[in-house]
Every structure is written in C-alpha cells, then in structure tokens.
Amino acid sequence: MTYLIPALAFSFLSATVSHAVENKAPAPEFTLKASSGKVVRLSDYIGKTVVLEWTNPGCPFVQKHYKSKNMQGLQKEYTG
C-alpha cells in the first residue's frame, strides 16, 4: 500500500522513528503540522501514492539534486 504526502508542505524539524520500517512496508501512522498550520495525518491519504522525503539542506548530495532541478523534475513527473 502506498500513501501520498505533499513533500514540500511539511517541516520535519524534530522527527523520531522509534522502530525500524521494512522496505516496501506501509509507513507507520503519523501526524504533522503543515506549513499552512493545518494538521495532516498520513491516513488522510490512504489509497494515494505517498512520497516521504527527509532532507538535510546542508548536505552536498541534497544540494546537488535540488540545484540540478532533479528533485523538482521528479516531483513534476510523478505529480499527475
């Protein structure tokens, strides 16, 4: 099962994962406050494709993929 979360809508300032998640296993339920202030739950997107992105803007690899527009291109490609 796959879920959809608009990646750019969230700030992951303090996220803690208390258990391991197996590859291709459903993500555990969580609730976040979007940058708009709205509270969003993963379960709000059941039946939709989800992209969960954890990013570190100081990481040179992250910078490379964003500066080259690779990540933005993937987002545009898969949004539809």
N, C-alpha and C. Protein backbone atom coordinates (compact mmCIF):
# COMPACT_ATOMS: atom_id res chain seq x y z
N MET A 1 0.84 -1.17 0.00
CA MET A 1 0.00 0.00 0.00
C MET A 1 0.89 1.24 0.00
N THR A 2 0.54 2.23 -0.75
CA THR A 2 1.31 3.45 -0.87
C THR A 2 0.47 4.64 -0.45
N TYR A 3 1.10 5.67 0.09
CA TYR A 3 0.41 6.87 0.57
C TYR A 3 1.01 8.12 -0.06
N LEU A 4 0.26 9.21 -0.07
CA LEU A 4 0.74 10.47 -0.65
C LEU A 4 0.78 11.57 0.40
N ILE A 5 1.91 12.20 0.54
CA ILE A 5 2.06 13.38 1.40
C ILE A 5 2.78 14.43 0.55
N PRO A 6 2.20 15.61 0.39
CA PRO A 6 2.91 16.66 -0.35
C PRO A 6 4.21 17.01 0.37
N ALA A 7 5.33 16.65 -0.21
CA ALA A 7 6.62 16.74 0.46
C ALA A 7 6.97 18.16 0.89
N LEU A 8 6.66 19.15 0.07
CA LEU A 8 7.09 20.49 0.40
C LEU A 8 6.19 21.16 1.43
N ALA A 9 5.12 20.52 1.84
CA ALA A 9 4.18 21.13 2.77
C ALA A 9 4.59 20.97 4.23
N PHE A 10 5.60 20.18 4.51
CA PHE A 10 5.90 19.85 5.89
C PHE A 10 7.30 20.27 6.29
N SER A 11 7.44 20.60 7.54
CA SER A 11 8.75 20.83 8.13
C SER A 11 9.00 19.68 9.10
N PHE A 12 10.05 18.94 8.85
CA PHE A 12 10.40 17.82 9.73
C PHE A 12 11.52 18.28 10.66
N LEU A 13 11.19 19.17 11.59
CA LEU A 13 12.21 19.72 12.47
C LEU A 13 12.63 18.73 13.54
N SER A 14 11.68 17.98 14.06
CA SER A 14 12.04 17.01 15.10
C SER A 14 11.21 15.75 14.92
N ALA A 15 11.69 14.88 14.07
CA ALA A 15 11.00 13.61 13.83
C ALA A 15 11.84 12.49 14.42
N THR A 16 11.19 11.58 15.11
CA THR A 16 11.88 10.44 15.70
C THR A 16 11.17 9.18 15.26
N VAL A 17 11.92 8.25 14.76
CA VAL A 17 11.38 6.95 14.40
C VAL A 17 11.84 5.97 15.46
N SER A 18 10.88 5.40 16.18
CA SER A 18 11.24 4.56 17.31
C SER A 18 11.40 3.09 16.94
N HIS A 19 11.10 2.75 15.70
CA HIS A 19 11.26 1.36 15.27
C HIS A 19 11.64 1.33 13.80
N ALA A 20 12.23 0.22 13.41
CA ALA A 20 12.64 0.07 12.02
C ALA A 20 11.43 -0.18 11.14
N VAL A 21 11.48 0.33 9.93
CA VAL A 21 10.42 0.10 8.95
C VAL A 21 11.05 -0.69 7.81
N GLU A 22 10.45 -1.81 7.48
CA GLU A 22 10.96 -2.64 6.41
C GLU A 22 10.71 -1.99 5.06
N ASN A 23 11.60 -2.25 4.12
CA ASN A 23 11.43 -1.75 2.77
C ASN A 23 10.10 -2.25 2.19
N LYS A 24 9.34 -1.36 1.60
CA LYS A 24 8.05 -1.63 0.98
C LYS A 24 6.93 -1.89 1.98
N ALA A 25 7.21 -1.77 3.26
CA ALA A 25 6.17 -1.93 4.27
C ALA A 25 5.42 -0.61 4.39
N PRO A 26 4.14 -0.65 4.75
CA PRO A 26 3.41 0.61 4.95
C PRO A 26 4.08 1.45 6.03
N ALA A 27 4.11 2.74 5.81
CA ALA A 27 4.68 3.65 6.81
C ALA A 27 3.79 3.67 8.03
N PRO A 28 4.38 3.83 9.22
CA PRO A 28 3.55 3.92 10.42
C PRO A 28 2.75 5.22 10.41
N GLU A 29 1.59 5.21 11.02
CA GLU A 29 0.74 6.41 11.09
C GLU A 29 1.49 7.52 11.82
N PHE A 30 1.37 8.74 11.31
CA PHE A 30 1.91 9.90 11.99
C PHE A 30 1.08 11.12 11.65
N THR A 31 1.23 12.15 12.47
CA THR A 31 0.53 13.41 12.30
C THR A 31 1.56 14.53 12.30
N LEU A 32 1.42 15.46 11.36
CA LEU A 32 2.34 16.60 11.27
C LEU A 32 1.55 17.88 11.07
N LYS A 33 2.18 18.97 11.41
CA LYS A 33 1.58 20.28 11.16
C LYS A 33 2.20 20.81 9.86
N ALA A 34 1.37 21.06 8.85
CA ALA A 34 1.85 21.59 7.58
C ALA A 34 2.28 23.03 7.75
N SER A 35 3.04 23.54 6.81
CA SER A 35 3.49 24.93 6.89
C SER A 35 2.32 25.90 6.88
N SER A 36 1.17 25.46 6.40
CA SER A 36 -0.04 26.28 6.41
C SER A 36 -0.69 26.33 7.79
N GLY A 37 -0.22 25.45 8.70
CA GLY A 37 -0.79 25.36 10.04
C GLY A 37 -1.81 24.24 10.18
N LYS A 38 -2.24 23.66 9.06
CA LYS A 38 -3.21 22.56 9.08
C LYS A 38 -2.55 21.28 9.60
N VAL A 39 -3.26 20.55 10.45
CA VAL A 39 -2.77 19.26 10.94
C VAL A 39 -3.15 18.20 9.90
N VAL A 40 -2.16 17.41 9.49
CA VAL A 40 -2.35 16.40 8.45
C VAL A 40 -1.89 15.06 8.99
N ARG A 41 -2.66 14.03 8.72
CA ARG A 41 -2.32 12.66 9.12
C ARG A 41 -1.99 11.83 7.88
N LEU A 42 -1.09 10.91 8.04
CA LEU A 42 -0.77 10.03 6.93
C LEU A 42 -2.03 9.32 6.44
N SER A 43 -2.89 8.92 7.37
CA SER A 43 -4.11 8.19 6.99
C SER A 43 -5.07 9.05 6.15
N ASP A 44 -4.87 10.36 6.11
CA ASP A 44 -5.69 11.22 5.25
C ASP A 44 -5.47 10.89 3.77
N TYR A 45 -4.39 10.19 3.47
CA TYR A 45 -4.01 9.92 2.08
C TYR A 45 -4.08 8.44 1.70
N ILE A 46 -4.85 7.66 2.45
CA ILE A 46 -4.99 6.23 2.13
C ILE A 46 -5.49 6.08 0.70
N GLY A 47 -4.89 5.16 -0.03
CA GLY A 47 -5.28 4.89 -1.41
C GLY A 47 -4.55 5.74 -2.43
N LYS A 48 -3.71 6.65 -1.96
CA LYS A 48 -2.96 7.51 -2.88
C LYS A 48 -1.47 7.20 -2.75
N THR A 49 -0.72 7.61 -3.74
CA THR A 49 0.73 7.42 -3.69
C THR A 49 1.33 8.45 -2.75
N VAL A 50 2.28 8.01 -1.93
CA VAL A 50 2.92 8.90 -0.97
C VAL A 50 4.41 8.95 -1.23
N VAL A 51 4.96 10.14 -1.14
CA VAL A 51 6.40 10.31 -1.16
C VAL A 51 6.78 10.94 0.17
N LEU A 52 7.55 10.21 0.96
CA LEU A 52 8.04 10.75 2.23
C LEU A 52 9.49 11.14 2.00
N GLU A 53 9.79 12.39 2.20
CA GLU A 53 11.14 12.87 1.92
C GLU A 53 11.72 13.50 3.17
N TRP A 54 12.83 12.94 3.63
CA TRP A 54 13.59 13.55 4.71
C TRP A 54 14.80 14.19 4.04
N THR A 55 15.04 15.44 4.36
CA THR A 55 16.11 16.14 3.66
C THR A 55 16.97 16.94 4.63
N ASN A 56 18.20 17.14 4.25
CA ASN A 56 19.13 17.96 5.01
C ASN A 56 19.69 19.00 4.04
N PRO A 57 19.20 20.25 4.09
CA PRO A 57 19.65 21.27 3.14
C PRO A 57 21.15 21.54 3.17
N GLY A 58 21.83 21.15 4.25
CA GLY A 58 23.27 21.35 4.33
C GLY A 58 24.08 20.24 3.68
N CYS A 59 23.42 19.16 3.30
CA CYS A 59 24.11 18.01 2.70
C CYS A 59 24.48 18.31 1.24
N PRO A 60 25.74 18.09 0.86
CA PRO A 60 26.14 18.39 -0.53
C PRO A 60 25.40 17.53 -1.56
N PHE A 61 25.01 16.31 -1.21
CA PHE A 61 24.27 15.47 -2.15
C PHE A 61 22.86 15.99 -2.35
N VAL A 62 22.22 16.45 -1.27
CA VAL A 62 20.89 17.05 -1.35
C VAL A 62 20.97 18.32 -2.19
N GLN A 63 21.95 19.16 -1.91
CA GLN A 63 22.12 20.40 -2.66
C GLN A 63 22.28 20.12 -4.15
N LYS A 64 23.07 19.10 -4.48
CA LYS A 64 23.31 18.75 -5.88
C LYS A 64 22.00 18.40 -6.58
N HIS A 65 21.16 17.58 -5.94
CA HIS A 65 19.92 17.15 -6.58
C HIS A 65 18.89 18.26 -6.69
N TYR A 66 18.91 19.21 -5.77
CA TYR A 66 17.98 20.34 -5.86
C TYR A 66 18.50 21.42 -6.81
N LYS A 67 19.79 21.71 -6.76
CA LYS A 67 20.36 22.73 -7.66
C LYS A 67 20.27 22.30 -9.12
N SER A 68 20.37 21.00 -9.38
CA SER A 68 20.28 20.49 -10.76
C SER A 68 18.83 20.36 -11.22
N LYS A 69 17.88 20.63 -10.30
CA LYS A 69 16.44 20.53 -10.57
C LYS A 69 15.98 19.09 -10.75
N ASN A 70 16.84 18.12 -10.38
CA ASN A 70 16.49 16.70 -10.47
C ASN A 70 15.26 16.39 -9.61
N MET A 71 15.25 16.83 -8.36
CA MET A 71 14.13 16.53 -7.46
C MET A 71 12.85 17.22 -7.93
N GLN A 72 12.96 18.47 -8.36
CA GLN A 72 11.78 19.19 -8.84
C GLN A 72 11.22 18.52 -10.10
N GLY A 73 12.11 18.03 -10.94
CA GLY A 73 11.67 17.32 -12.15
C GLY A 73 10.93 16.03 -11.83
N LEU A 74 11.44 15.29 -10.86
CA LEU A 74 10.77 14.06 -10.43
C LEU A 74 9.40 14.37 -9.83
N GLN A 75 9.34 15.43 -9.03
CA GLN A 75 8.07 15.81 -8.45
C GLN A 75 7.06 16.15 -9.54
N LYS A 76 7.48 16.92 -10.51
CA LYS A 76 6.58 17.30 -11.60
C LYS A 76 6.16 16.07 -12.41
N GLU A 77 7.11 15.18 -12.68
CA GLU A 77 6.85 13.98 -13.47
C GLU A 77 5.81 13.07 -12.80
N TYR A 78 5.91 12.91 -11.48
CA TYR A 78 5.05 11.97 -10.78
C TYR A 78 3.83 12.60 -10.11
N THR A 79 3.68 13.90 -10.18
CA THR A 79 2.54 14.55 -9.55
C THR A 79 1.22 14.11 -10.18
N GLY A 80 1.18 13.98 -11.48
CA GLY A 80 -0.04 13.57 -12.17
C GLY A 80 -0.44 12.18 -11.83
